[in-house]
């Protein structure tokens, strides 16, 4: 029995029957006679723009080859199955031009994605967002792919500093100059502080500190809870932070008043360390929804998902119709009927100024996408920042690739990084002395902790990813065992 496996660009070559099984569809009548044929031997492959190049890359792996198990095991099937499931879901809900929604077309497009665009670093989401099925490869190359987005992140952002954006508590503290709203993190506040906050804000916005795309966010109605202490412990257990509810400036609020409608602005810190704005979009929520996130309906099925529009960076005027996550376009907001294109975002110059200023706060994060809002008092409020900001929506709205806006800057930053690394390599290694063993704590009640290391206040705060509280500033470099921090009573 021949157990050889054929691959192209790390993608296993499947039969039509296998692909239809992955897509969970019956084999179309048109393909019945060739169902056991490998796709590379069918007319589906003949329709691919670069079929000759792909065929030239076909590689046969025998059972004796060390790579054999990588493609023969269930992991490869599972990965393709997962992609097929995602692909089918996005295909069925896609309303873009040229889609006819037939099983034959589904198979054809999946073959095109699997062997043409996946090897180039495009995700399934990229494929439908940029409508790559109707583009040549050279046209597709103008769009920043998912892999290119990863490259931008790797070149621009030091992962050790990403916590200042991904952790919402740290963000609010590090960028406190740009955060005007009242907020409280239930893991580090007292019950009395929580009660005072709830008293001041009977309705507040609650969200998990490390979730994204609106997942887990909800309005907290204090008057619906008789036991505030119990509510506090629920919030603590769910790792929630609670915030004052922001109200939009009146003209923005006319689009949708149930959500905070925000501007996402992408900044880049080039080699000259003078921030630039790459592009900007505005996100608008739907009636009854509390978040404006474009993909919230994908994350939580009971949500509608917001609209996203393209913004002229120079003027702050919306230059496109709105679009939802199914690529349906809206000239007017579907709920409020307010015209979208041509709307002037208020306080635009101030938004640009503040985002450029904030881009310098942590220079180790060179690429950031900022979510900002204009409040009802016309001040600019920073909601959050993202170190891995998705450029997908900015390219999807106007179906125009934005890769060229990054390329030269990324090349220059790569060169700078390489130069810095070479200098570090050429330095003579410094001999490190053997680390001293920490002294054994003298507090008898601490001995129950066994071999656990004794940390300083500063180290503890770093492990918790919080700034050192002001109350502990004067003792931050002391070991916790030599401070007045209260410890729980324990048995010897």
Protein backbone atom coordinates (compact mmCIF):
# COMPACT_ATOMS: atom_id res chain seq x y z
CA UNK A 1 0.00 0.00 0.00
CA UNK A 2 1.45 3.40 -1.03
CA UNK A 3 1.60 5.74 1.94
CA UNK A 4 3.29 8.63 0.15
CA UNK A 5 1.85 12.08 0.91
CA UNK A 6 1.86 15.03 -1.47
CA UNK A 7 2.10 18.60 -0.23
CA UNK A 8 2.29 22.13 -1.62
CA UNK A 9 3.77 24.90 0.54
CA UNK A 10 3.17 22.88 3.76
CA UNK A 11 -0.44 22.16 2.73
CA UNK A 12 -1.40 18.57 2.21
CA UNK A 13 -3.05 17.78 -1.13
CA UNK A 14 -6.51 16.32 -0.56
CA UNK A 15 -9.07 14.66 -2.76
CA UNK A 16 -12.33 16.42 -3.59
CA UNK A 17 -14.15 13.89 -1.45
CA UNK A 18 -12.01 14.80 1.55
CA UNK A 19 -12.50 18.54 1.04
CA UNK A 20 -16.28 18.13 0.82
CA UNK A 21 -16.12 16.13 4.03
CA UNK A 22 -14.19 18.93 5.72
CA UNK A 23 -16.80 21.44 4.51
CA UNK A 24 -19.61 19.11 5.64
CA UNK A 25 -21.41 19.15 2.28
CA UNK A 26 -22.52 16.49 -0.17
CA UNK A 27 -20.27 16.07 -3.20
CA UNK A 28 -21.78 18.32 -5.92
CA UNK A 29 -23.07 16.39 -8.95
CA UNK A 30 -20.57 18.20 -11.17
CA UNK A 31 -17.68 16.67 -9.18
CA UNK A 32 -19.08 13.16 -8.70
CA UNK A 33 -16.87 11.60 -11.39
CA UNK A 34 -13.69 13.12 -9.99
CA UNK A 35 -14.43 12.90 -6.28
CA UNK A 36 -11.52 10.54 -5.56
CA UNK A 37 -9.05 12.64 -7.58
CA UNK A 38 -6.54 14.90 -5.91
CA UNK A 39 -7.52 18.56 -6.43
CA UNK A 40 -4.24 19.14 -8.26
CA UNK A 41 -5.50 16.78 -10.97
CA UNK A 42 -8.87 18.51 -11.46
CA UNK A 43 -10.29 21.53 -13.27
CA UNK A 44 -10.61 23.32 -9.92
CA UNK A 45 -6.84 23.62 -9.79
CA UNK A 46 -6.68 24.71 -13.43
CA UNK A 47 -8.63 27.85 -12.48
CA UNK A 48 -5.96 29.05 -10.05
CA UNK A 49 -3.91 31.98 -11.32
CA UNK A 50 -0.57 30.51 -10.23
CA UNK A 51 -1.35 26.83 -10.90
CA UNK A 52 1.90 26.20 -12.82
CA UNK A 53 3.98 27.67 -10.01
CA UNK A 54 2.08 25.60 -7.45
CA UNK A 55 2.38 22.37 -9.40
CA UNK A 56 6.11 22.95 -9.66
CA UNK A 57 6.23 23.09 -5.85
CA UNK A 58 4.50 19.74 -5.28
CA UNK A 59 6.59 17.63 -3.00
CA UNK A 60 6.14 13.92 -2.26
CA UNK A 61 6.88 12.74 1.27
CA UNK A 62 7.40 9.04 1.84
CA UNK A 63 6.78 7.17 5.08
CA UNK A 64 10.53 7.10 5.71
CA UNK A 65 10.79 10.90 5.54
CA UNK A 66 11.11 12.64 8.92
CA UNK A 67 8.35 15.11 7.89
CA UNK A 68 5.89 12.31 7.19
CA UNK A 69 4.27 12.29 10.61
CA UNK A 70 3.67 16.05 10.46
CA UNK A 71 1.24 15.54 7.59
CA UNK A 72 0.00 12.01 8.26
CA UNK A 73 -1.18 12.57 11.81
CA UNK A 74 -4.58 13.79 12.89
CA UNK A 75 -3.29 17.27 13.70
CA UNK A 76 -3.06 18.21 10.02
CA UNK A 77 -6.58 16.93 9.37
CA UNK A 78 -7.87 18.72 12.46
CA UNK A 79 -6.29 22.00 11.38
CA UNK A 80 -7.79 21.78 7.89
CA UNK A 81 -11.14 20.75 9.33
CA UNK A 82 -11.13 23.78 11.63
CA UNK A 83 -10.26 26.13 8.77
CA UNK A 84 -12.97 24.57 6.60
CA UNK A 85 -15.56 25.13 9.32
CA UNK A 86 -14.57 28.80 9.69
CA UNK A 87 -14.41 29.20 5.92
CA UNK A 88 -17.89 27.80 5.38
CA UNK A 89 -19.37 29.99 8.12
CA UNK A 90 -17.91 33.20 6.68
CA UNK A 91 -18.83 32.16 3.13
CA UNK A 92 -22.48 31.61 4.02
CA UNK A 93 -22.86 34.99 5.73
CA UNK A 94 -20.79 36.97 3.21
CA UNK A 95 -22.89 39.33 1.13
CA UNK A 96 -20.12 40.78 -1.03
CA UNK A 97 -20.24 41.14 -4.80
CA UNK A 98 -19.86 38.00 -6.88
CA UNK A 99 -20.84 35.40 -4.25
CA UNK A 100 -23.59 33.02 -5.45
CA UNK A 101 -23.67 30.65 -2.43
CA UNK A 102 -23.57 27.26 -4.16
CA UNK A 103 -21.70 24.14 -3.02
CA UNK A 104 -19.65 24.13 -6.23
CA UNK A 105 -18.51 27.68 -5.59
CA UNK A 106 -17.77 26.90 -1.93
CA UNK A 107 -15.44 24.04 -2.91
CA UNK A 108 -13.74 26.13 -5.61
CA UNK A 109 -13.10 29.04 -3.27
CA UNK A 110 -11.84 26.80 -0.49
CA UNK A 111 -9.34 25.22 -2.89
CA UNK A 112 -8.23 28.72 -3.91
CA UNK A 113 -7.79 29.80 -0.31
CA UNK A 114 -6.08 26.62 0.88
CA UNK A 115 -3.46 26.44 -1.86
CA UNK A 116 -3.20 30.03 -3.09
CA UNK A 117 -3.73 32.48 -0.25
CA UNK A 118 -3.09 30.54 2.96
CA UNK A 119 0.58 29.96 2.01
CA UNK A 120 0.90 33.74 1.55
CA UNK A 121 -0.13 34.37 5.16
CA UNK A 122 -3.77 35.37 4.67
CA UNK A 123 -6.25 34.14 7.25
CA UNK A 124 -9.76 32.94 6.36
CA UNK A 125 -11.05 36.24 7.72
CA UNK A 126 -8.62 38.14 5.46
CA UNK A 127 -9.85 36.16 2.45
CA UNK A 128 -13.45 37.32 2.84
CA UNK A 129 -12.77 40.77 4.31
CA UNK A 130 -10.59 41.75 1.34
CA UNK A 131 -12.65 39.67 -1.12
CA UNK A 132 -9.49 37.98 -2.37
CA UNK A 133 -11.60 35.56 -4.41
CA UNK A 134 -12.06 38.32 -7.00
CA UNK A 135 -8.48 39.61 -7.00
CA UNK A 136 -5.25 38.76 -8.76
CA UNK A 137 -2.29 37.80 -6.60
CA UNK A 138 -0.58 41.14 -7.28
CA UNK A 139 -3.72 42.98 -6.16
CA UNK A 140 -3.97 40.81 -3.06
CA UNK A 141 -0.36 41.62 -2.17
CA UNK A 142 -1.31 45.28 -1.54
CA UNK A 143 -3.31 44.15 1.52
CA UNK A 144 -1.54 43.59 4.83
CA UNK A 145 -2.11 39.91 5.61
CA UNK A 146 -2.44 38.34 9.04
CA UNK A 147 1.20 37.22 8.82
CA UNK A 148 2.28 40.76 7.89
CA UNK A 149 0.39 42.05 10.90
CA UNK A 150 2.41 39.62 13.05
CA UNK A 151 5.61 40.96 11.48
CA UNK A 152 4.61 44.56 12.28
CA UNK A 153 3.95 43.57 15.89
CA UNK A 154 7.26 41.69 16.19
CA UNK A 155 9.30 44.55 14.72
CA UNK A 156 7.53 47.41 16.52
CA UNK A 157 6.53 46.19 19.97
CA UNK A 158 8.55 44.81 22.85
CA UNK A 159 6.37 42.06 24.28
CA UNK A 160 7.52 42.85 27.85
CA UNK A 161 5.70 46.20 27.64
CA UNK A 162 2.48 44.97 26.01
CA UNK A 163 0.92 44.47 29.44
CA UNK A 164 0.45 48.24 29.68
CA UNK A 165 -2.12 47.96 26.90
CA UNK A 166 -3.56 44.46 27.31
CA UNK A 167 -4.25 44.91 31.03
CA UNK A 168 -7.01 47.52 31.32
CA UNK A 169 -6.03 48.48 34.87
CA UNK A 170 -2.43 49.14 33.89
CA UNK A 171 -3.61 51.07 30.84
CA UNK A 172 -5.78 53.37 32.94
CA UNK A 173 -2.85 54.02 35.26
CA UNK A 174 -0.02 54.43 32.75
CA UNK A 175 -2.15 56.58 30.44
CA UNK A 176 -4.03 58.32 33.28
CA UNK A 177 -3.55 61.72 31.64
CA UNK A 178 -5.89 60.60 28.85
CA UNK A 179 -8.44 58.72 31.01
CA UNK A 180 -10.92 61.14 32.58
CA UNK A 181 -13.62 58.71 33.74
CA UNK A 182 -13.98 57.33 37.26
CA UNK A 183 -13.03 53.67 37.53
CA UNK A 184 -12.36 50.97 40.10
CA UNK A 185 -10.70 47.55 39.93
CA UNK A 186 -12.55 45.21 42.25
CA UNK A 187 -9.50 43.04 42.97
CA UNK A 188 -7.59 45.86 44.66
CA UNK A 189 -10.30 48.10 46.12
CA UNK A 190 -12.01 47.76 49.49
CA UNK A 191 -15.70 47.04 50.02
CA UNK A 192 -16.19 50.59 51.27
CA UNK A 193 -14.54 52.03 48.15
CA UNK A 194 -16.81 49.86 45.99
CA UNK A 195 -19.89 51.07 47.91
CA UNK A 196 -18.85 54.70 47.44
CA UNK A 197 -18.34 54.15 43.72
CA UNK A 198 -21.73 52.46 43.31
CA UNK A 199 -23.37 55.26 45.26
CA UNK A 200 -21.86 57.85 42.92
CA UNK A 201 -22.50 55.75 39.79
CA UNK A 202 -25.68 53.62 40.26
CA UNK A 203 -25.25 52.55 36.64
CA UNK A 204 -21.68 51.65 35.63
CA UNK A 205 -19.86 49.82 32.85
CA UNK A 206 -18.33 46.51 33.97
CA UNK A 207 -15.72 44.60 31.97
CA UNK A 208 -13.09 41.88 32.52
CA UNK A 209 -9.63 43.47 32.61
CA UNK A 210 -8.04 41.18 29.99
CA UNK A 211 -10.86 40.46 27.53
CA UNK A 212 -11.24 42.13 24.13
CA UNK A 213 -13.88 42.90 21.46
CA UNK A 214 -16.50 43.66 24.10
CA UNK A 215 -16.54 40.12 25.48
CA UNK A 216 -18.03 39.97 28.97
CA UNK A 217 -18.84 43.69 29.06
CA UNK A 218 -22.17 44.70 30.56
CA UNK A 219 -23.99 47.49 32.37
CA UNK A 220 -24.04 47.09 36.14
CA UNK A 221 -27.31 48.31 37.67
CA UNK A 222 -26.72 48.70 41.41
CA UNK A 223 -30.41 49.22 42.22
CA UNK A 224 -31.11 45.67 41.02
CA UNK A 225 -28.98 44.27 43.85
CA UNK A 226 -30.11 44.37 47.46
CA UNK A 227 -26.83 42.99 48.81
CA UNK A 228 -23.98 45.27 47.66
CA UNK A 229 -21.40 43.20 49.51
CA UNK A 230 -22.47 40.12 47.58
CA UNK A 231 -22.31 42.11 44.33
CA UNK A 232 -18.79 43.21 45.24
CA UNK A 233 -17.66 39.60 45.74
CA UNK A 234 -19.24 38.57 42.40
CA UNK A 235 -17.33 41.34 40.62
CA UNK A 236 -14.15 40.34 42.46
CA UNK A 237 -14.54 36.70 41.43
CA UNK A 238 -15.09 37.65 37.78
CA UNK A 239 -12.02 39.91 37.84
CA UNK A 240 -14.05 42.95 36.76
CA UNK A 241 -13.26 46.61 36.67
CA UNK A 242 -16.17 49.05 36.87
CA UNK A 243 -16.18 52.40 35.15
CA UNK A 244 -18.25 55.53 34.91
CA UNK A 245 -20.50 55.33 31.83
CA UNK A 246 -19.30 57.68 29.09
CA UNK A 247 -21.77 59.74 27.08
CA UNK A 248 -20.87 60.71 23.52
CA UNK A 249 -20.86 64.24 22.11
CA UNK A 250 -24.42 64.95 20.88
CA UNK A 251 -23.80 64.69 17.10
CA UNK A 252 -22.00 61.34 17.53
CA UNK A 253 -24.67 60.19 19.97
CA UNK A 254 -27.30 60.69 17.23
CA UNK A 255 -25.94 57.62 15.41
CA UNK A 256 -26.61 55.33 18.37
CA UNK A 257 -27.06 56.33 22.00
CA UNK A 258 -26.90 52.92 23.67
CA UNK A 259 -23.16 52.48 22.98
CA UNK A 260 -20.06 54.64 23.14
CA UNK A 261 -19.21 55.20 19.45
CA UNK A 262 -15.43 55.35 19.17
CA UNK A 263 -12.67 56.30 16.79
CA UNK A 264 -9.87 53.80 16.25
CA UNK A 265 -6.68 55.56 15.26
CA UNK A 266 -3.49 53.68 14.30
CA UNK A 267 -0.15 55.29 15.22
CA UNK A 268 3.38 54.26 14.35
CA UNK A 269 6.62 55.47 15.91
CA UNK A 270 9.23 55.42 13.12
CA UNK A 271 13.03 55.46 13.54
CA UNK A 272 13.02 59.25 13.98
CA UNK A 273 10.67 58.84 16.98
CA UNK A 274 8.14 61.31 15.58
CA UNK A 275 4.70 59.59 15.73
CA UNK A 276 2.65 59.35 12.56
CA UNK A 277 -0.99 58.39 12.05
CA UNK A 278 -1.29 55.46 9.62
CA UNK A 279 -5.08 55.48 9.22
CA UNK A 280 -8.32 55.82 11.17
CA UNK A 281 -11.81 54.35 11.31
CA UNK A 282 -14.95 55.12 13.28
CA UNK A 283 -17.03 52.40 14.90
CA UNK A 284 -20.74 52.87 15.49
CA UNK A 285 -22.91 50.62 17.64
CA UNK A 286 -26.38 49.26 16.93
CA UNK A 287 -29.61 49.99 18.77
CA UNK A 288 -29.73 48.38 22.21
CA UNK A 289 -26.06 47.30 22.10
CA UNK A 290 -23.63 48.61 24.72
CA UNK A 291 -20.48 48.09 22.62
CA UNK A 292 -19.67 49.40 19.14
CA UNK A 293 -17.31 46.56 18.29
CA UNK A 294 -17.49 45.46 14.67
CA UNK A 295 -16.98 41.78 15.52
CA UNK A 296 -18.97 41.55 18.75
CA UNK A 297 -21.69 39.46 17.08
CA UNK A 298 -19.06 36.87 16.16
CA UNK A 299 -17.80 36.72 19.75
CA UNK A 300 -21.27 36.65 21.31
CA UNK A 301 -24.02 35.44 18.97
CA UNK A 302 -26.81 37.40 20.64
CA UNK A 303 -25.20 40.70 19.61
CA UNK A 304 -25.77 42.54 16.32
CA UNK A 305 -22.22 43.77 15.80
CA UNK A 306 -21.44 47.39 15.01
CA UNK A 307 -20.69 49.29 11.82
CA UNK A 308 -17.27 50.55 10.81
CA UNK A 309 -16.42 53.48 8.53
CA UNK A 310 -13.27 54.93 6.98
CA UNK A 311 -12.06 58.33 8.19
CA UNK A 312 -9.96 60.88 6.31
CA UNK A 313 -6.94 61.32 8.59
CA UNK A 314 -6.33 64.91 7.45
CA UNK A 315 -9.85 66.22 8.02
CA UNK A 316 -11.64 63.80 10.36
CA UNK A 317 -14.50 63.46 7.86
CA UNK A 318 -16.03 60.01 7.33
CA UNK A 319 -15.27 59.12 3.71
CA UNK A 320 -17.16 55.84 3.29
CA UNK A 321 -20.52 54.25 3.94
CA UNK A 322 -20.83 52.04 7.00
CA UNK A 323 -20.15 48.32 6.69
CA UNK A 324 -21.02 45.43 9.02
CA UNK A 325 -19.20 42.14 9.62
CA UNK A 326 -21.07 40.51 6.71
CA UNK A 327 -19.80 43.17 4.26
CA UNK A 328 -23.28 44.73 3.96
CA UNK A 329 -22.97 48.46 3.26
CA UNK A 330 -25.17 51.16 4.83
CA UNK A 331 -25.47 54.74 3.57
CA UNK A 332 -27.56 55.50 6.65
CA UNK A 333 -27.42 54.00 10.11
CA UNK A 334 -29.89 51.05 10.03
CA UNK A 335 -31.51 52.10 13.31
CA UNK A 336 -31.27 55.90 13.53
CA UNK A 337 -31.29 56.65 9.75
CA UNK A 338 -28.50 59.21 10.26
CA UNK A 339 -26.34 59.66 7.13
CA UNK A 340 -22.88 58.22 7.66
CA UNK A 341 -20.62 59.42 4.83
CA UNK A 342 -19.55 63.06 5.11
CA UNK A 343 -19.95 63.28 8.90
CA UNK A 344 -17.35 65.53 10.54
CA UNK A 345 -15.93 64.01 13.70
CA UNK A 346 -15.72 66.78 16.33
CA UNK A 347 -12.44 67.63 18.06
CA UNK A 348 -10.44 65.91 15.31
CA UNK A 349 -7.26 67.98 15.65
CA UNK A 350 -7.27 67.31 19.40
CA UNK A 351 -7.72 63.56 18.81
CA UNK A 352 -4.71 63.53 16.50
CA UNK A 353 -2.60 65.59 18.90
CA UNK A 354 -3.38 63.44 21.94
CA UNK A 355 -2.84 60.12 20.15
CA UNK A 356 0.56 61.26 18.88
CA UNK A 357 1.44 62.45 22.37
CA UNK A 358 0.30 59.17 23.96
CA UNK A 359 2.35 57.21 21.40
CA UNK A 360 5.50 58.50 23.14
CA UNK A 361 4.51 57.44 26.68
CA UNK A 362 5.88 53.90 26.24
CA UNK A 363 8.35 54.15 23.31
CA UNK A 364 8.94 50.38 23.42
CA UNK A 365 5.46 50.08 21.86
CA UNK A 366 5.87 51.63 18.42
CA UNK A 367 2.63 50.40 16.85
CA UNK A 368 -0.61 51.07 18.74
CA UNK A 369 -4.25 51.30 17.74
CA UNK A 370 -6.10 53.69 20.06
CA UNK A 371 -9.81 53.58 20.82
CA UNK A 372 -10.94 57.08 21.75
CA UNK A 373 -14.28 58.79 22.28
CA UNK A 374 -15.49 62.38 22.23
CA UNK A 375 -17.48 63.00 25.43
CA UNK A 376 -20.61 65.09 25.84
CA UNK A 377 -18.49 67.93 27.24
CA UNK A 378 -16.36 67.86 24.02
CA UNK A 379 -13.29 66.41 25.75
CA UNK A 380 -11.40 63.45 24.30
CA UNK A 381 -11.46 60.23 26.34
CA UNK A 382 -9.11 57.28 25.76
CA UNK A 383 -10.94 53.96 26.12
CA UNK A 384 -8.02 51.62 25.50
CA UNK A 385 -4.95 50.90 23.38
CA UNK A 386 -4.06 47.75 21.46
CA UNK A 387 -0.53 46.52 20.78
CA UNK A 388 -1.78 44.01 18.21
CA UNK A 389 -4.32 46.31 16.55
CA UNK A 390 -6.13 44.65 13.69
CA UNK A 391 -5.66 46.54 10.41
CA UNK A 392 -8.27 44.22 8.89
CA UNK A 393 -11.23 46.57 9.32
CA UNK A 394 -9.36 49.59 7.92
CA UNK A 395 -8.66 47.69 4.69
CA UNK A 396 -12.06 46.05 4.54
CA UNK A 397 -14.15 49.24 4.51
CA UNK A 398 -12.84 50.76 1.27
CA UNK A 399 -11.40 47.51 -0.12
CA UNK A 400 -8.02 49.22 -0.43
CA UNK A 401 -4.77 47.66 0.75
CA UNK A 402 -2.84 49.58 3.41
CA UNK A 403 0.36 47.54 3.37
CA UNK A 404 2.27 50.30 1.56
CA UNK A 405 1.69 52.65 4.52
CA UNK A 406 3.80 50.35 6.71
CA UNK A 407 6.45 48.88 4.40
CA UNK A 408 9.18 51.54 4.38
CA UNK A 409 8.88 52.20 8.11
CA UNK A 410 9.03 48.50 8.93
CA UNK A 411 12.15 48.04 6.77
CA UNK A 412 13.86 50.93 8.56
CA UNK A 413 12.86 49.62 11.99
CA UNK A 414 14.10 46.13 11.06
CA UNK A 415 17.45 47.63 10.09
CA UNK A 416 17.61 49.59 13.35
CA UNK A 417 16.76 46.49 15.36
CA UNK A 418 19.39 44.45 13.53
CA UNK A 419 21.99 47.16 14.11
CA UNK A 420 21.15 47.29 17.83
CA UNK A 421 21.33 43.52 18.14
CA UNK A 422 24.75 43.45 16.42
CA UNK A 423 26.11 46.02 18.87
CA UNK A 424 24.84 43.94 21.78
CA UNK A 425 26.44 40.80 20.32
CA UNK A 426 29.82 42.50 19.90
CA UNK A 427 29.97 43.58 23.55
CA UNK A 428 32.25 41.57 25.79
CA UNK A 429 30.23 39.34 28.09
CA UNK A 430 30.11 40.53 31.70
CA UNK A 431 30.95 37.92 34.26
CA UNK A 432 28.03 37.42 36.55
CA UNK A 433 28.64 36.71 40.20
CA UNK A 434 26.74 33.87 41.77
CA UNK A 435 23.40 35.06 43.08
CA UNK A 436 23.21 35.33 46.83
CA UNK A 437 20.69 33.13 48.52
CA UNK A 438 17.92 35.10 50.17
CA UNK A 439 18.08 35.23 53.91
CA UNK A 440 15.74 32.98 55.77
CA UNK A 441 12.80 35.02 57.09
CA UNK A 442 12.93 35.54 60.84
CA UNK A 443 9.14 35.88 61.20
CA UNK A 444 8.07 32.55 62.67
CA UNK A 445 4.66 32.67 60.98
CA UNK A 446 6.31 32.87 57.55
CA UNK A 447 8.11 29.55 57.96
CA UNK A 448 4.96 27.73 56.95
CA UNK A 449 5.58 29.03 53.40
CA UNK A 450 8.53 26.69 53.20
CA UNK A 451 10.96 27.45 50.34
CA UNK A 452 8.92 30.30 48.82
CA UNK A 453 11.12 33.26 48.00
CA UNK A 454 10.68 36.48 49.96
CA UNK A 455 9.93 39.35 47.54
CA UNK A 456 10.11 43.10 47.86
CA UNK A 457 6.95 45.23 47.60
CA UNK A 458 8.17 46.41 44.20
CA UNK A 459 8.57 42.84 42.94
CA UNK A 460 5.13 41.83 44.25
CA UNK A 461 3.51 44.77 42.42
CA UNK A 462 5.37 43.84 39.24
CA UNK A 463 4.13 40.25 39.48
CA UNK A 464 0.58 41.55 39.95
CA UNK A 465 1.07 43.90 36.97
CA UNK A 466 0.10 46.98 38.98
CA UNK A 467 1.89 50.20 39.85
CA UNK A 468 3.25 50.46 43.37
CA UNK A 469 0.48 52.06 45.50
CA UNK A 470 1.38 55.47 46.90
CA UNK A 471 1.00 54.14 50.45
CA UNK A 472 3.87 51.70 49.82
CA UNK A 473 6.16 54.01 47.82
CA UNK A 474 8.54 54.63 50.75
CA UNK A 475 8.95 50.90 51.47
CA UNK A 476 8.80 49.53 47.93
CA UNK A 477 12.35 48.13 48.05
CA UNK A 478 11.90 46.33 51.35
CA UNK A 479 11.17 42.63 51.73
CA UNK A 480 7.52 42.06 52.65
CA UNK A 481 8.60 40.30 55.87
CA UNK A 482 10.17 43.50 57.17
CA UNK A 483 7.11 45.67 56.48
CA UNK A 484 3.87 46.27 58.30
CA UNK A 485 1.78 44.53 55.66
CA UNK A 486 -0.87 42.44 57.41
CA UNK A 487 -0.63 38.68 56.88
CA UNK A 488 -3.42 36.18 57.58
CA UNK A 489 -3.14 34.30 60.84
CA UNK A 490 -1.69 30.85 60.20
CA UNK A 491 -0.81 27.88 62.32
CA UNK A 492 2.83 27.24 63.00
